[in-house]
Amino acid sequence: MTAAFARNTDPLTSFGGADAIQPHVTALEKEVLDTLRDSIFGLTINEIAGRLNRSLVSVSPRLKPLVLKGLVVDTGLTKDGPEGRGRIIWRAK
Protein backbone atom coordinates (compact mmCIF):
# COMPACT_ATOMS: atom_id res chain seq x y z
CA MET A 1 0.00 0.00 0.00
CA THR A 2 1.12 3.53 -0.67
CA ALA A 3 1.68 5.43 2.56
CA ALA A 4 2.61 8.67 0.81
CA PHE A 5 -0.91 9.27 -0.51
CA ALA A 6 -3.08 7.66 2.18
CA ARG A 7 -3.18 7.82 5.98
CA ASN A 8 -3.33 4.74 8.22
CA THR A 9 -6.80 5.83 9.33
CA ASP A 10 -8.16 6.12 5.78
CA PRO A 11 -10.56 3.48 4.46
CA LEU A 12 -9.13 0.73 2.26
CA THR A 13 -10.53 2.41 -0.84
CA SER A 14 -8.17 5.33 -0.21
CA PHE A 15 -5.20 3.00 -0.34
CA GLY A 16 -6.45 1.57 -3.64
CA GLY A 17 -6.76 5.06 -5.04
CA ALA A 18 -3.30 5.98 -3.79
CA ASP A 19 -1.84 2.90 -5.46
CA ALA A 20 -3.59 3.79 -8.70
CA ILE A 21 -2.12 7.31 -8.90
CA GLN A 22 1.43 6.40 -7.95
CA PRO A 23 3.19 3.98 -10.29
CA HIS A 24 4.98 1.19 -8.47
CA VAL A 25 8.12 1.74 -10.54
CA THR A 26 9.03 5.02 -12.21
CA ALA A 27 10.32 5.10 -15.79
CA LEU A 28 13.94 5.61 -14.71
CA GLU A 29 13.63 2.94 -12.00
CA LYS A 30 12.41 0.57 -14.72
CA GLU A 31 15.43 1.41 -16.89
CA VAL A 32 17.76 0.67 -13.98
CA LEU A 33 15.90 -2.54 -13.13
CA ASP A 34 15.90 -3.74 -16.75
CA THR A 35 19.63 -3.03 -17.00
CA LEU A 36 20.28 -5.08 -13.85
CA ARG A 37 18.06 -7.90 -15.13
CA ASP A 38 20.18 -8.03 -18.30
CA SER A 39 23.32 -8.57 -16.21
CA ILE A 40 24.06 -12.07 -14.94
CA PHE A 41 26.48 -11.10 -12.16
CA GLY A 42 25.15 -7.64 -11.23
CA LEU A 43 26.52 -4.16 -11.82
CA THR A 44 27.99 -1.24 -9.91
CA ILE A 45 26.30 2.14 -10.05
CA ASN A 46 29.01 3.33 -12.44
CA GLU A 47 28.31 0.41 -14.78
CA ILE A 48 24.54 0.99 -14.64
CA ALA A 49 25.00 4.70 -15.43
CA GLY A 50 27.38 3.84 -18.28
CA ARG A 51 25.01 1.34 -19.87
CA LEU A 52 22.13 3.80 -19.63
CA ASN A 53 24.27 6.72 -20.82
CA ARG A 54 23.10 8.70 -17.79
CA SER A 55 24.88 10.53 -14.98
CA LEU A 56 25.52 8.96 -11.59
CA VAL A 57 23.37 11.60 -9.91
CA SER A 58 20.34 10.59 -11.96
CA VAL A 59 20.82 6.82 -11.54
CA SER A 60 22.07 6.53 -7.95
CA PRO A 61 18.86 7.75 -6.23
CA ARG A 62 16.85 5.06 -8.06
CA LEU A 63 18.51 2.15 -6.24
CA LYS A 64 17.11 2.71 -2.74
CA PRO A 65 13.45 2.74 -3.88
CA LEU A 66 14.10 -0.43 -5.89
CA VAL A 67 15.67 -2.06 -2.83
CA LEU A 68 12.73 -0.99 -0.64
CA LYS A 69 10.34 -2.46 -3.21
CA GLY A 70 12.22 -5.75 -3.02
CA LEU A 71 13.32 -5.65 -6.66
CA VAL A 72 17.07 -5.08 -6.24
CA VAL A 73 19.60 -6.40 -3.71
CA ASP A 74 23.13 -5.59 -2.61
CA THR A 75 25.16 -8.70 -3.50
CA GLY A 76 27.54 -8.12 -0.61
CA LEU A 77 30.35 -7.82 -3.16
CA THR A 78 32.22 -4.74 -4.32
CA LYS A 79 34.25 -3.78 -7.35
CA ASP A 80 36.62 -0.84 -7.73
CA GLY A 81 35.07 2.10 -9.52
CA PRO A 82 36.94 4.52 -11.79
CA GLU A 83 38.18 6.50 -8.79
CA GLY A 84 39.63 3.34 -7.19
CA ARG A 85 37.06 3.04 -4.38
CA GLY A 86 34.95 -0.07 -3.86
CA ARG A 87 31.45 0.15 -5.34
CA ILE A 88 28.54 -2.09 -4.35
CA ILE A 89 27.53 -4.66 -6.93
CA TRP A 90 23.74 -4.58 -7.29
CA ARG A 91 21.60 -7.38 -8.69
CA ALA A 92 17.93 -7.67 -9.68
CA LYS A 93 15.94 -10.21 -7.66
PDB file of N, CA and C in Angstrom:
ATOM      1  N   MET A   1       0.833  -1.188   0.000  1.00  0.00           N
ATOM      2  CA  MET A   1       0.000   0.000   0.000  1.00  0.00           C
ATOM      3  C   MET A   1       0.869   1.239   0.000  1.00  0.00           C
ATOM      4  N   THR A   2       0.347   2.304  -0.503  1.00  0.00           N
ATOM      5  CA  THR A   2       1.119   3.526  -0.667  1.00  0.00           C
ATOM      6  C   THR A   2       0.869   4.472   0.494  1.00  0.00           C
ATOM      7  N   ALA A   3       1.829   4.578   1.385  1.00  0.00           N
ATOM      8  CA  ALA A   3       1.684   5.426   2.560  1.00  0.00           C
ATOM      9  C   ALA A   3       1.740   6.902   2.210  1.00  0.00           C
ATOM     10  N   ALA A   4       2.424   7.258   1.148  1.00  0.00           N
ATOM     11  CA  ALA A   4       2.613   8.666   0.806  1.00  0.00           C
ATOM     12  C   ALA A   4       1.309   9.369   0.459  1.00  0.00           C
ATOM     13  N   PHE A   5       0.326   8.636  -0.064  1.00  0.00           N
ATOM     14  CA  PHE A   5      -0.906   9.266  -0.512  1.00  0.00           C
ATOM     15  C   PHE A   5      -2.127   8.859   0.293  1.00  0.00           C
ATOM     16  N   ALA A   6      -1.964   8.070   1.340  1.00  0.00           N
ATOM     17  CA  ALA A   6      -3.084   7.656   2.177  1.00  0.00           C
ATOM     18  C   ALA A   6      -2.609   7.522   3.622  1.00  0.00           C
ATOM     19  N   ARG A   7      -3.494   7.919   4.550  1.00  0.00           N
ATOM     20  CA  ARG A   7      -3.176   7.817   5.975  1.00  0.00           C
ATOM     21  C   ARG A   7      -3.587   6.442   6.500  1.00  0.00           C
ATOM     22  N   ASN A   8      -2.990   6.030   7.615  1.00  0.00           N
ATOM     23  CA  ASN A   8      -3.335   4.740   8.220  1.00  0.00           C
ATOM     24  C   ASN A   8      -4.803   4.662   8.604  1.00  0.00           C
ATOM     25  N   THR A   9      -5.402   5.803   8.901  1.00  0.00           N
ATOM     26  CA  THR A   9      -6.802   5.826   9.332  1.00  0.00           C
ATOM     27  C   THR A   9      -7.780   5.898   8.164  1.00  0.00           C
ATOM     28  N   ASP A  10      -7.290   6.048   6.955  1.00  0.00           N
ATOM     29  CA  ASP A  10      -8.162   6.123   5.777  1.00  0.00           C
ATOM     30  C   ASP A  10      -8.775   4.761   5.474  1.00  0.00           C
ATOM     31  N   PRO A  11      -9.964   4.761   4.855  1.00  0.00           N
ATOM     32  CA  PRO A  11     -10.565   3.480   4.456  1.00  0.00           C
ATOM     33  C   PRO A  11      -9.719   2.797   3.386  1.00  0.00           C
ATOM     34  N   LEU A  12      -9.915   1.495   3.233  1.00  0.00           N
ATOM     35  CA  LEU A  12      -9.132   0.725   2.264  1.00  0.00           C
ATOM     36  C   LEU A  12      -9.242   1.273   0.851  1.00  0.00           C
ATOM     37  N   THR A  13     -10.375   1.864   0.507  1.00  0.00           N
ATOM     38  CA  THR A  13     -10.526   2.413  -0.844  1.00  0.00           C
ATOM     39  C   THR A  13      -9.541   3.544  -1.098  1.00  0.00           C
ATOM     40  N   SER A  14      -9.156   4.264  -0.050  1.00  0.00           N
ATOM     41  CA  SER A  14      -8.166   5.334  -0.212  1.00  0.00           C
ATOM     42  C   SER A  14      -6.808   4.764  -0.592  1.00  0.00           C
ATOM     43  N   PHE A  15      -6.471   3.629   0.000  1.00  0.00           N
ATOM     44  CA  PHE A  15      -5.198   2.998  -0.342  1.00  0.00           C
ATOM     45  C   PHE A  15      -5.208   2.525  -1.788  1.00  0.00           C
ATOM     46  N   GLY A  16      -6.329   1.990  -2.238  1.00  0.00           N
ATOM     47  CA  GLY A  16      -6.449   1.565  -3.637  1.00  0.00           C
ATOM     48  C   GLY A  16      -6.288   2.738  -4.572  1.00  0.00           C
ATOM     49  N   GLY A  17      -6.892   3.858  -4.224  1.00  0.00           N
ATOM     50  CA  GLY A  17      -6.762   5.063  -5.041  1.00  0.00           C
ATOM     51  C   GLY A  17      -5.341   5.585  -5.041  1.00  0.00           C
ATOM     52  N   ALA A  18      -4.691   5.525  -3.878  1.00  0.00           N
ATOM     53  CA  ALA A  18      -3.298   5.976  -3.792  1.00  0.00           C
ATOM     54  C   ALA A  18      -2.408   5.104  -4.659  1.00  0.00           C
ATOM     55  N   ASP A  19      -2.636   3.801  -4.622  1.00  0.00           N
ATOM     56  CA  ASP A  19      -1.842   2.895  -5.457  1.00  0.00           C
ATOM     57  C   ASP A  19      -2.064   3.174  -6.937  1.00  0.00           C
ATOM     58  N   ALA A  20      -3.271   3.551  -7.293  1.00  0.00           N
ATOM     59  CA  ALA A  20      -3.591   3.795  -8.703  1.00  0.00           C
ATOM     60  C   ALA A  20      -2.907   5.046  -9.241  1.00  0.00           C
ATOM     61  N   ILE A  21      -2.715   6.073  -8.392  1.00  0.00           N
ATOM     62  CA  ILE A  21      -2.125   7.315  -8.901  1.00  0.00           C
ATOM     63  C   ILE A  21      -0.607   7.318  -8.837  1.00  0.00           C
ATOM     64  N   GLN A  22      -0.029   6.437  -8.045  1.00  0.00           N
ATOM     65  CA  GLN A  22       1.432   6.397  -7.953  1.00  0.00           C
ATOM     66  C   GLN A  22       1.936   5.106  -8.585  1.00  0.00           C
ATOM     67  N   PRO A  23       2.672   5.205  -9.684  1.00  0.00           N
ATOM     68  CA  PRO A  23       3.192   3.979 -10.293  1.00  0.00           C
ATOM     69  C   PRO A  23       4.133   3.264  -9.328  1.00  0.00           C
ATOM     70  N   HIS A  24       4.129   1.958  -9.379  1.00  0.00           N
ATOM     71  CA  HIS A  24       4.976   1.186  -8.471  1.00  0.00           C
ATOM     72  C   HIS A  24       6.449   1.340  -8.824  1.00  0.00           C
ATOM     73  N   VAL A  25       6.746   1.548 -10.088  1.00  0.00           N
ATOM     74  CA  VAL A  25       8.121   1.737 -10.539  1.00  0.00           C
ATOM     75  C   VAL A  25       8.130   2.879 -11.548  1.00  0.00           C
ATOM     76  N   THR A  26       8.947   3.894 -11.282  1.00  0.00           N
ATOM     77  CA  THR A  26       9.030   5.022 -12.213  1.00  0.00           C
ATOM     78  C   THR A  26       9.750   4.587 -13.491  1.00  0.00           C
ATOM     79  N   ALA A  27       9.688   5.425 -14.499  1.00  0.00           N
ATOM     80  CA  ALA A  27      10.319   5.103 -15.788  1.00  0.00           C
ATOM     81  C   ALA A  27      11.825   4.887 -15.633  1.00  0.00           C
ATOM     82  N   LEU A  28      12.492   5.757 -14.883  1.00  0.00           N
ATOM     83  CA  LEU A  28      13.942   5.607 -14.708  1.00  0.00           C
ATOM     84  C   LEU A  28      14.271   4.400 -13.823  1.00  0.00           C
ATOM     85  N   GLU A  29      13.433   4.146 -12.807  1.00  0.00           N
ATOM     86  CA  GLU A  29      13.633   2.943 -12.001  1.00  0.00           C
ATOM     87  C   GLU A  29      13.525   1.695 -12.881  1.00  0.00           C
ATOM     88  N   LYS A  30      12.580   1.710 -13.806  1.00  0.00           N
ATOM     89  CA  LYS A  30      12.406   0.572 -14.716  1.00  0.00           C
ATOM     90  C   LYS A  30      13.636   0.392 -15.603  1.00  0.00           C
ATOM     91  N   GLU A  31      14.204   1.499 -16.082  1.00  0.00           N
ATOM     92  CA  GLU A  31      15.427   1.414 -16.895  1.00  0.00           C
ATOM     93  C   GLU A  31      16.560   0.773 -16.095  1.00  0.00           C
ATOM     94  N   VAL A  32      16.718   1.216 -14.847  1.00  0.00           N
ATOM     95  CA  VAL A  32      17.765   0.671 -13.980  1.00  0.00           C
ATOM     96  C   VAL A  32      17.501  -0.814 -13.727  1.00  0.00           C
ATOM     97  N   LEU A  33      16.258  -1.152 -13.404  1.00  0.00           N
ATOM     98  CA  LEU A  33      15.898  -2.539 -13.132  1.00  0.00           C
ATOM     99  C   LEU A  33      16.120  -3.429 -14.352  1.00  0.00           C
ATOM    100  N   ASP A  34      15.702  -2.964 -15.516  1.00  0.00           N
ATOM    101  CA  ASP A  34      15.898  -3.738 -16.749  1.00  0.00           C
ATOM    102  C   ASP A  34      17.382  -3.952 -17.042  1.00  0.00           C
ATOM    103  N   THR A  35      18.186  -2.926 -16.782  1.00  0.00           N
ATOM    104  CA  THR A  35      19.633  -3.033 -16.995  1.00  0.00           C
ATOM    105  C   THR A  35      20.230  -4.082 -16.060  1.00  0.00           C
ATOM    106  N   LEU A  36      19.789  -4.082 -14.806  1.00  0.00           N
ATOM    107  CA  LEU A  36      20.277  -5.082 -13.855  1.00  0.00           C
ATOM    108  C   LEU A  36      19.795  -6.483 -14.226  1.00  0.00           C
ATOM    109  N   ARG A  37      18.589  -6.584 -14.730  1.00  0.00           N
ATOM    110  CA  ARG A  37      18.062  -7.899 -15.135  1.00  0.00           C
ATOM    111  C   ARG A  37      18.835  -8.469 -16.319  1.00  0.00           C
ATOM    112  N   ASP A  38      19.389  -7.591 -17.144  1.00  0.00           N
ATOM    113  CA  ASP A  38      20.175  -8.030 -18.304  1.00  0.00           C
ATOM    114  C   ASP A  38      21.584  -8.484 -17.918  1.00  0.00           C
ATOM    115  N   SER A  39      21.974  -8.222 -16.675  1.00  0.00           N
ATOM    116  CA  SER A  39      23.317  -8.573 -16.212  1.00  0.00           C
ATOM    117  C   SER A  39      23.258  -9.832 -15.344  1.00  0.00           C
ATOM    118  N   ILE A  40      24.060 -10.805 -15.676  1.00  0.00           N
ATOM    119  CA  ILE A  40      24.060 -12.073 -14.938  1.00  0.00           C
ATOM    120  C   ILE A  40      24.644 -11.909 -13.535  1.00  0.00           C
ATOM    121  N   PHE A  41      25.748 -11.180 -13.425  1.00  0.00           N
ATOM    122  CA  PHE A  41      26.477 -11.096 -12.164  1.00  0.00           C
ATOM    123  C   PHE A  41      26.220  -9.813 -11.379  1.00  0.00           C
ATOM    124  N   GLY A  42      25.401  -8.899 -11.899  1.00  0.00           N
ATOM    125  CA  GLY A  42      25.149  -7.635 -11.234  1.00  0.00           C
ATOM    126  C   GLY A  42      26.071  -6.544 -11.746  1.00  0.00           C
ATOM    127  N   LEU A  43      25.774  -5.331 -11.338  1.00  0.00           N
ATOM    128  CA  LEU A  43      26.520  -4.164 -11.820  1.00  0.00           C
ATOM    129  C   LEU A  43      26.730  -3.161 -10.700  1.00  0.00           C
ATOM    130  N   THR A  44      27.785  -2.374 -10.817  1.00  0.00           N
ATOM    131  CA  THR A  44      27.992  -1.241  -9.913  1.00  0.00           C
ATOM    132  C   THR A  44      27.171  -0.064 -10.437  1.00  0.00           C
ATOM    133  N   ILE A  45      27.037   0.947  -9.627  1.00  0.00           N
ATOM    134  CA  ILE A  45      26.297   2.139 -10.045  1.00  0.00           C
ATOM    135  C   ILE A  45      26.963   2.786 -11.259  1.00  0.00           C
ATOM    136  N   ASN A  46      28.300   2.766 -11.296  1.00  0.00           N
ATOM    137  CA  ASN A  46      29.010   3.332 -12.444  1.00  0.00           C
ATOM    138  C   ASN A  46      28.680   2.568 -13.723  1.00  0.00           C
ATOM    139  N   GLU A  47      28.614   1.236 -13.613  1.00  0.00           N
ATOM    140  CA  GLU A  47      28.307   0.413 -14.781  1.00  0.00           C
ATOM    141  C   GLU A  47      26.862   0.615 -15.242  1.00  0.00           C
ATOM    142  N   ILE A  48      25.945   0.740 -14.283  1.00  0.00           N
ATOM    143  CA  ILE A  48      24.542   0.994 -14.636  1.00  0.00           C
ATOM    144  C   ILE A  48      24.435   2.320 -15.373  1.00  0.00           C
ATOM    145  N   ALA A  49      25.042   3.365 -14.805  1.00  0.00           N
ATOM    146  CA  ALA A  49      24.998   4.695 -15.426  1.00  0.00           C
ATOM    147  C   ALA A  49      25.609   4.654 -16.823  1.00  0.00           C
ATOM    148  N   GLY A  50      26.723   3.949 -16.981  1.00  0.00           N
ATOM    149  CA  GLY A  50      27.376   3.843 -18.284  1.00  0.00           C
ATOM    150  C   GLY A  50      26.501   3.159 -19.315  1.00  0.00           C
ATOM    151  N   ARG A  51      25.872   2.061 -18.925  1.00  0.00           N
ATOM    152  CA  ARG A  51      25.010   1.338 -19.870  1.00  0.00           C
ATOM    153  C   ARG A  51      23.780   2.143 -20.260  1.00  0.00           C
ATOM    154  N   LEU A  52      23.302   2.973 -19.335  1.00  0.00           N
ATOM    155  CA  LEU A  52      22.129   3.800 -19.625  1.00  0.00           C
ATOM    156  C   LEU A  52      22.494   5.141 -20.252  1.00  0.00           C
ATOM    157  N   ASN A  53      23.793   5.431 -20.320  1.00  0.00           N
ATOM    158  CA  ASN A  53      24.266   6.720 -20.818  1.00  0.00           C
ATOM    159  C   ASN A  53      23.641   7.868 -20.021  1.00  0.00           C
ATOM    160  N   ARG A  54      23.651   7.699 -18.701  1.00  0.00           N
ATOM    161  CA  ARG A  54      23.101   8.702 -17.787  1.00  0.00           C
ATOM    162  C   ARG A  54      24.139   9.012 -16.714  1.00  0.00           C
ATOM    163  N   SER A  55      23.940  10.126 -16.031  1.00  0.00           N
ATOM    164  CA  SER A  55      24.876  10.526 -14.977  1.00  0.00           C
ATOM    165  C   SER A  55      24.622   9.721 -13.699  1.00  0.00           C
ATOM    166  N   LEU A  56      25.657   9.636 -12.878  1.00  0.00           N
ATOM    167  CA  LEU A  56      25.521   8.955 -11.589  1.00  0.00           C
ATOM    168  C   LEU A  56      24.441   9.591 -10.727  1.00  0.00           C
ATOM    169  N   VAL A  57      24.343  10.919 -10.770  1.00  0.00           N
ATOM    170  CA  VAL A  57      23.371  11.604  -9.912  1.00  0.00           C
ATOM    171  C   VAL A  57      21.929  11.349 -10.336  1.00  0.00           C
ATOM    172  N   SER A  58      21.707  10.923 -11.558  1.00  0.00           N
ATOM    173  CA  SER A  58      20.339  10.589 -11.956  1.00  0.00           C
ATOM    174  C   SER A  58      20.025   9.116 -11.705  1.00  0.00           C
ATOM    175  N   VAL A  59      21.039   8.265 -11.709  1.00  0.00           N
ATOM    176  CA  VAL A  59      20.823   6.824 -11.538  1.00  0.00           C
ATOM    177  C   VAL A  59      20.888   6.406 -10.066  1.00  0.00           C
ATOM    178  N   SER A  60      21.841   6.937  -9.326  1.00  0.00           N
ATOM    179  CA  SER A  60      22.071   6.525  -7.945  1.00  0.00           C
ATOM    180  C   SER A  60      20.825   6.601  -7.050  1.00  0.00           C
ATOM    181  N   PRO A  61      20.034   7.676  -7.110  1.00  0.00           N
ATOM    182  CA  PRO A  61      18.858   7.749  -6.234  1.00  0.00           C
ATOM    183  C   PRO A  61      17.761   6.733  -6.572  1.00  0.00           C
ATOM    184  N   ARG A  62      17.884   6.038  -7.672  1.00  0.00           N
ATOM    185  CA  ARG A  62      16.854   5.057  -8.065  1.00  0.00           C
ATOM    186  C   ARG A  62      17.046   3.713  -7.374  1.00  0.00           C
ATOM    187  N   LEU A  63      18.238   3.459  -6.835  1.00  0.00           N
ATOM    188  CA  LEU A  63      18.505   2.153  -6.238  1.00  0.00           C
ATOM    189  C   LEU A  63      17.761   1.928  -4.924  1.00  0.00           C
ATOM    190  N   LYS A  64      17.763   2.914  -4.033  1.00  0.00           N
ATOM    191  CA  LYS A  64      17.108   2.706  -2.736  1.00  0.00           C
ATOM    192  C   LYS A  64      15.625   2.380  -2.888  1.00  0.00           C
ATOM    193  N   PRO A  65      14.865   3.118  -3.706  1.00  0.00           N
ATOM    194  CA  PRO A  65      13.453   2.742  -3.879  1.00  0.00           C
ATOM    195  C   PRO A  65      13.288   1.323  -4.434  1.00  0.00           C
ATOM    196  N   LEU A  66      14.175   0.923  -5.333  1.00  0.00           N
ATOM    197  CA  LEU A  66      14.098  -0.431  -5.890  1.00  0.00           C
ATOM    198  C   LEU A  66      14.419  -1.485  -4.828  1.00  0.00           C
ATOM    199  N   VAL A  67      15.354  -1.164  -3.938  1.00  0.00           N
ATOM    200  CA  VAL A  67      15.674  -2.065  -2.826  1.00  0.00           C
ATOM    201  C   VAL A  67      14.473  -2.159  -1.888  1.00  0.00           C
ATOM    202  N   LEU A  68      13.885  -1.012  -1.548  1.00  0.00           N
ATOM    203  CA  LEU A  68      12.734  -0.992  -0.641  1.00  0.00           C
ATOM    204  C   LEU A  68      11.531  -1.722  -1.226  1.00  0.00           C
ATOM    205  N   LYS A  69      11.429  -1.745  -2.533  1.00  0.00           N
ATOM    206  CA  LYS A  69      10.336  -2.456  -3.209  1.00  0.00           C
ATOM    207  C   LYS A  69      10.647  -3.943  -3.380  1.00  0.00           C
ATOM    208  N   GLY A  70      11.841  -4.347  -2.946  1.00  0.00           N
ATOM    209  CA  GLY A  70      12.221  -5.748  -3.015  1.00  0.00           C
ATOM    210  C   GLY A  70      12.607  -6.225  -4.402  1.00  0.00           C
ATOM    211  N   LEU A  71      12.993  -5.297  -5.277  1.00  0.00           N
ATOM    212  CA  LEU A  71      13.316  -5.647  -6.657  1.00  0.00           C
ATOM    213  C   LEU A  71      14.811  -5.753  -6.925  1.00  0.00           C
ATOM    214  N   VAL A  72      15.610  -5.126  -6.060  1.00  0.00           N
ATOM    215  CA  VAL A  72      17.066  -5.083  -6.238  1.00  0.00           C
ATOM    216  C   VAL A  72      17.722  -5.397  -4.896  1.00  0.00           C
ATOM    217  N   VAL A  73      18.866  -6.081  -4.943  1.00  0.00           N
ATOM    218  CA  VAL A  73      19.602  -6.401  -3.714  1.00  0.00           C
ATOM    219  C   VAL A  73      21.082  -6.053  -3.859  1.00  0.00           C
ATOM    220  N   ASP A  74      21.682  -5.756  -2.731  1.00  0.00           N
ATOM    221  CA  ASP A  74      23.132  -5.588  -2.613  1.00  0.00           C
ATOM    222  C   ASP A  74      23.704  -7.002  -2.554  1.00  0.00           C
ATOM    223  N   THR A  75      24.606  -7.346  -3.453  1.00  0.00           N
ATOM    224  CA  THR A  75      25.158  -8.703  -3.499  1.00  0.00           C
ATOM    225  C   THR A  75      26.114  -8.990  -2.350  1.00  0.00           C
ATOM    226  N   GLY A  76      26.537  -7.937  -1.649  1.00  0.00           N
ATOM    227  CA  GLY A  76      27.545  -8.115  -0.608  1.00  0.00           C
ATOM    228  C   GLY A  76      28.958  -8.070  -1.167  1.00  0.00           C
ATOM    229  N   LEU A  77      29.052  -7.903  -2.480  1.00  0.00           N
ATOM    230  CA  LEU A  77      30.347  -7.818  -3.159  1.00  0.00           C
ATOM    231  C   LEU A  77      30.602  -6.389  -3.602  1.00  0.00           C
ATOM    232  N   THR A  78      31.864  -6.058  -3.791  1.00  0.00           N
ATOM    233  CA  THR A  78      32.223  -4.742  -4.316  1.00  0.00           C
ATOM    234  C   THR A  78      33.207  -4.898  -5.465  1.00  0.00           C
ATOM    235  N   LYS A  79      33.327  -3.829  -6.213  1.00  0.00           N
ATOM    236  CA  LYS A  79      34.253  -3.776  -7.348  1.00  0.00           C
ATOM    237  C   LYS A  79      34.782  -2.347  -7.391  1.00  0.00           C
ATOM    238  N   ASP A  80      36.062  -2.187  -7.668  1.00  0.00           N
ATOM    239  CA  ASP A  80      36.624  -0.839  -7.726  1.00  0.00           C
ATOM    240  C   ASP A  80      35.995  -0.045  -8.855  1.00  0.00           C
ATOM    241  N   GLY A  81      35.592   1.184  -8.521  1.00  0.00           N
ATOM    242  CA  GLY A  81      35.071   2.104  -9.522  1.00  0.00           C
ATOM    243  C   GLY A  81      36.213   2.856 -10.168  1.00  0.00           C
ATOM    244  N   PRO A  82      35.898   3.781 -11.075  1.00  0.00           N
ATOM    245  CA  PRO A  82      36.939   4.516 -11.794  1.00  0.00           C
ATOM    246  C   PRO A  82      37.865   5.319 -10.876  1.00  0.00           C
ATOM    247  N   GLU A  83      37.363   5.710  -9.703  1.00  0.00           N
ATOM    248  CA  GLU A  83      38.182   6.496  -8.785  1.00  0.00           C
ATOM    249  C   GLU A  83      38.983   5.612  -7.839  1.00  0.00           C
ATOM    250  N   GLY A  84      38.854   4.267  -7.997  1.00  0.00           N
ATOM    251  CA  GLY A  84      39.626   3.338  -7.187  1.00  0.00           C
ATOM    252  C   GLY A  84      38.960   2.902  -5.890  1.00  0.00           C
ATOM    253  N   ARG A  85      37.784   3.424  -5.593  1.00  0.00           N
ATOM    254  CA  ARG A  85      37.059   3.036  -4.380  1.00  0.00           C
ATOM    255  C   ARG A  85      36.105   1.890  -4.692  1.00  0.00           C
ATOM    256  N   GLY A  86      35.869   1.047  -3.695  1.00  0.00           N
ATOM    257  CA  GLY A  86      34.949  -0.071  -3.864  1.00  0.00           C
ATOM    258  C   GLY A  86      33.521   0.405  -4.069  1.00  0.00           C
ATOM    259  N   ARG A  87      32.858  -0.150  -5.045  1.00  0.00           N
ATOM    260  CA  ARG A  87      31.453   0.154  -5.344  1.00  0.00           C
ATOM    261  C   ARG A  87      30.623  -1.109  -5.145  1.00  0.00           C
ATOM    262  N   ILE A  88      29.451  -0.963  -4.560  1.00  0.00           N
ATOM    263  CA  ILE A  88      28.544  -2.094  -4.348  1.00  0.00           C
ATOM    264  C   ILE A  88      28.130  -2.676  -5.690  1.00  0.00           C
ATOM    265  N   ILE A  89      28.076  -3.990  -5.751  1.00  0.00           N
ATOM    266  CA  ILE A  89      27.532  -4.658  -6.934  1.00  0.00           C
ATOM    267  C   ILE A  89      26.070  -4.978  -6.631  1.00  0.00           C
ATOM    268  N   TRP A  90      25.181  -4.422  -7.439  1.00  0.00           N
ATOM    269  CA  TRP A  90      23.735  -4.583  -7.288  1.00  0.00           C
ATOM    270  C   TRP A  90      23.229  -5.639  -8.252  1.00  0.00           C
ATOM    271  N   ARG A  91      22.175  -6.341  -7.842  1.00  0.00           N
ATOM    272  CA  ARG A  91      21.599  -7.380  -8.689  1.00  0.00           C
ATOM    273  C   ARG A  91      20.079  -7.330  -8.582  1.00  0.00           C
ATOM    274  N   ALA A  92      19.393  -7.571  -9.693  1.00  0.00           N
ATOM    275  CA  ALA A  92      17.934  -7.665  -9.682  1.00  0.00           C
ATOM    276  C   ALA A  92      17.541  -8.981  -9.032  1.00  0.00           C
ATOM    277  N   LYS A  93      16.441  -8.967  -8.298  1.00  0.00           N
ATOM    278  CA  LYS A  93      15.945 -10.209  -7.664  1.00  0.00           C
ATOM    279  C   LYS A  93      15.234 -11.063  -8.673  1.00  0.00           C
TER     280      LYS A  93
END
